[in-house]
Amino acid sequence: MYMKGQLVTLKRSSVNILQLNKIKVGDFISDEFGKSGMVMDIEVVNYYRETQFYFSLDKAGTILFIV
């Protein structure tokens, strides 16, 4: 888990599954396109050889990472 209250910026091109597993509800995250917010819900979908992480944010919608 990251430090509480700290904004974690994730880049789709360099993120790995270990970084995504550390993110918990209540953490603040942002992506390289400027979408950011507090994580309200996390959904992990395993599909064949890929894992999809859906992070629902408080006001900015959802961020999707596929690894």
C-alpha atoms as a PDB file:
ATOM      1  CA  MET A   1       0.000   0.000   0.000  1.00  0.00           C
ATOM      2  CA  TYR A   2       1.192   3.462  -0.835  1.00  0.00           C
ATOM      3  CA  MET A   3       1.461   6.249   1.732  1.00  0.00           C
ATOM      4  CA  LYS A   4      -1.982   7.532   2.612  1.00  0.00           C
ATOM      5  CA  GLY A   5      -2.752  10.905   1.052  1.00  0.00           C
ATOM      6  CA  GLN A   6       0.051  10.653  -1.510  1.00  0.00           C
ATOM      7  CA  LEU A   7      -0.846  10.925  -5.201  1.00  0.00           C
ATOM      8  CA  VAL A   8       0.519   8.000  -7.226  1.00  0.00           C
ATOM      9  CA  THR A   9       0.978   8.621 -10.955  1.00  0.00           C
ATOM     10  CA  LEU A  10       0.774   5.504 -13.110  1.00  0.00           C
ATOM     11  CA  LYS A  11       1.842   5.274 -16.758  1.00  0.00           C
ATOM     12  CA  ARG A  12       0.196   2.604 -18.861  1.00  0.00           C
ATOM     13  CA  SER A  13       3.414   1.869 -20.755  1.00  0.00           C
ATOM     14  CA  SER A  14       5.493   1.101 -17.676  1.00  0.00           C
ATOM     15  CA  VAL A  15       3.086  -0.146 -14.999  1.00  0.00           C
ATOM     16  CA  ASN A  16       3.315  -3.737 -13.791  1.00  0.00           C
ATOM     17  CA  ILE A  17       0.961  -6.049 -11.938  1.00  0.00           C
ATOM     18  CA  LEU A  18       2.815  -5.642  -8.618  1.00  0.00           C
ATOM     19  CA  GLN A  19       2.285  -1.863  -8.630  1.00  0.00           C
ATOM     20  CA  LEU A  20      -1.407  -2.274  -9.407  1.00  0.00           C
ATOM     21  CA  ASN A  21      -1.900  -4.870  -6.658  1.00  0.00           C
ATOM     22  CA  LYS A  22      -0.535  -2.381  -4.092  1.00  0.00           C
ATOM     23  CA  ILE A  23      -3.299   0.133  -4.786  1.00  0.00           C
ATOM     24  CA  LYS A  24      -6.148  -0.047  -2.277  1.00  0.00           C
ATOM     25  CA  VAL A  25      -9.494   1.703  -1.840  1.00  0.00           C
ATOM     26  CA  GLY A  26      -8.850   5.200  -0.475  1.00  0.00           C
ATOM     27  CA  ASP A  27      -5.548   5.761  -2.329  1.00  0.00           C
ATOM     28  CA  PHE A  28      -5.156   8.721  -4.695  1.00  0.00           C
ATOM     29  CA  ILE A  29      -4.048   7.812  -8.222  1.00  0.00           C
ATOM     30  CA  SER A  30      -3.618   9.579 -11.552  1.00  0.00           C
ATOM     31  CA  ASP A  31      -2.722   8.509 -15.070  1.00  0.00           C
ATOM     32  CA  GLU A  32      -0.603  10.162 -17.749  1.00  0.00           C
ATOM     33  CA  PHE A  33      -3.685  11.757 -19.342  1.00  0.00           C
ATOM     34  CA  GLY A  34      -4.566  13.800 -16.248  1.00  0.00           C
ATOM     35  CA  LYS A  35      -7.450  11.711 -14.899  1.00  0.00           C
ATOM     36  CA  SER A  36      -7.071  11.493 -11.128  1.00  0.00           C
ATOM     37  CA  GLY A  37      -8.962  10.958  -7.907  1.00  0.00           C
ATOM     38  CA  MET A  38      -9.487   8.795  -4.860  1.00  0.00           C
ATOM     39  CA  VAL A  39     -10.090   5.097  -5.541  1.00  0.00           C
ATOM     40  CA  MET A  40     -13.628   4.147  -4.509  1.00  0.00           C
ATOM     41  CA  ASP A  41     -13.777   0.615  -5.949  1.00  0.00           C
ATOM     42  CA  ILE A  42     -11.417  -1.860  -7.613  1.00  0.00           C
ATOM     43  CA  GLU A  43     -12.397  -4.610 -10.017  1.00  0.00           C
ATOM     44  CA  VAL A  44      -9.841  -7.131 -11.293  1.00  0.00           C
ATOM     45  CA  VAL A  45     -10.742  -9.269 -14.306  1.00  0.00           C
ATOM     46  CA  ASN A  46      -8.516 -12.122 -15.469  1.00  0.00           C
ATOM     47  CA  TYR A  47      -9.024 -12.783 -19.167  1.00  0.00           C
ATOM     48  CA  TYR A  48      -6.842 -15.439 -20.807  1.00  0.00           C
ATOM     49  CA  ARG A  49      -3.265 -14.085 -20.567  1.00  0.00           C
ATOM     50  CA  GLU A  50      -4.127 -10.550 -19.473  1.00  0.00           C
ATOM     51  CA  THR A  51      -5.348  -8.966 -16.270  1.00  0.00           C
ATOM     52  CA  GLN A  52      -7.600  -5.914 -16.372  1.00  0.00           C
ATOM     53  CA  PHE A  53      -7.682  -3.504 -13.421  1.00  0.00           C
ATOM     54  CA  TYR A  54     -10.638  -1.117 -13.213  1.00  0.00           C
ATOM     55  CA  PHE A  55     -10.202   1.675 -10.657  1.00  0.00           C
ATOM     56  CA  SER A  56     -13.433   3.609 -10.036  1.00  0.00           C
ATOM     57  CA  LEU A  57     -12.592   7.130  -8.907  1.00  0.00           C
ATOM     58  CA  ASP A  58     -14.669   9.477  -6.780  1.00  0.00           C
ATOM     59  CA  LYS A  59     -15.343  12.171  -9.405  1.00  0.00           C
ATOM     60  CA  ALA A  60     -13.317  11.368 -12.528  1.00  0.00           C
ATOM     61  CA  GLY A  61     -14.883   8.099 -13.692  1.00  0.00           C
ATOM     62  CA  THR A  62     -12.804   4.967 -14.162  1.00  0.00           C
ATOM     63  CA  ILE A  63      -9.174   4.250 -15.025  1.00  0.00           C
ATOM     64  CA  LEU A  64      -8.442   0.961 -16.838  1.00  0.00           C
ATOM     65  CA  PHE A  65      -5.052  -0.769 -16.882  1.00  0.00           C
ATOM     66  CA  ILE A  66      -4.426  -3.940 -18.878  1.00  0.00           C
ATOM     67  CA  VAL A  67      -1.307  -5.953 -18.036  1.00  0.00           C
END
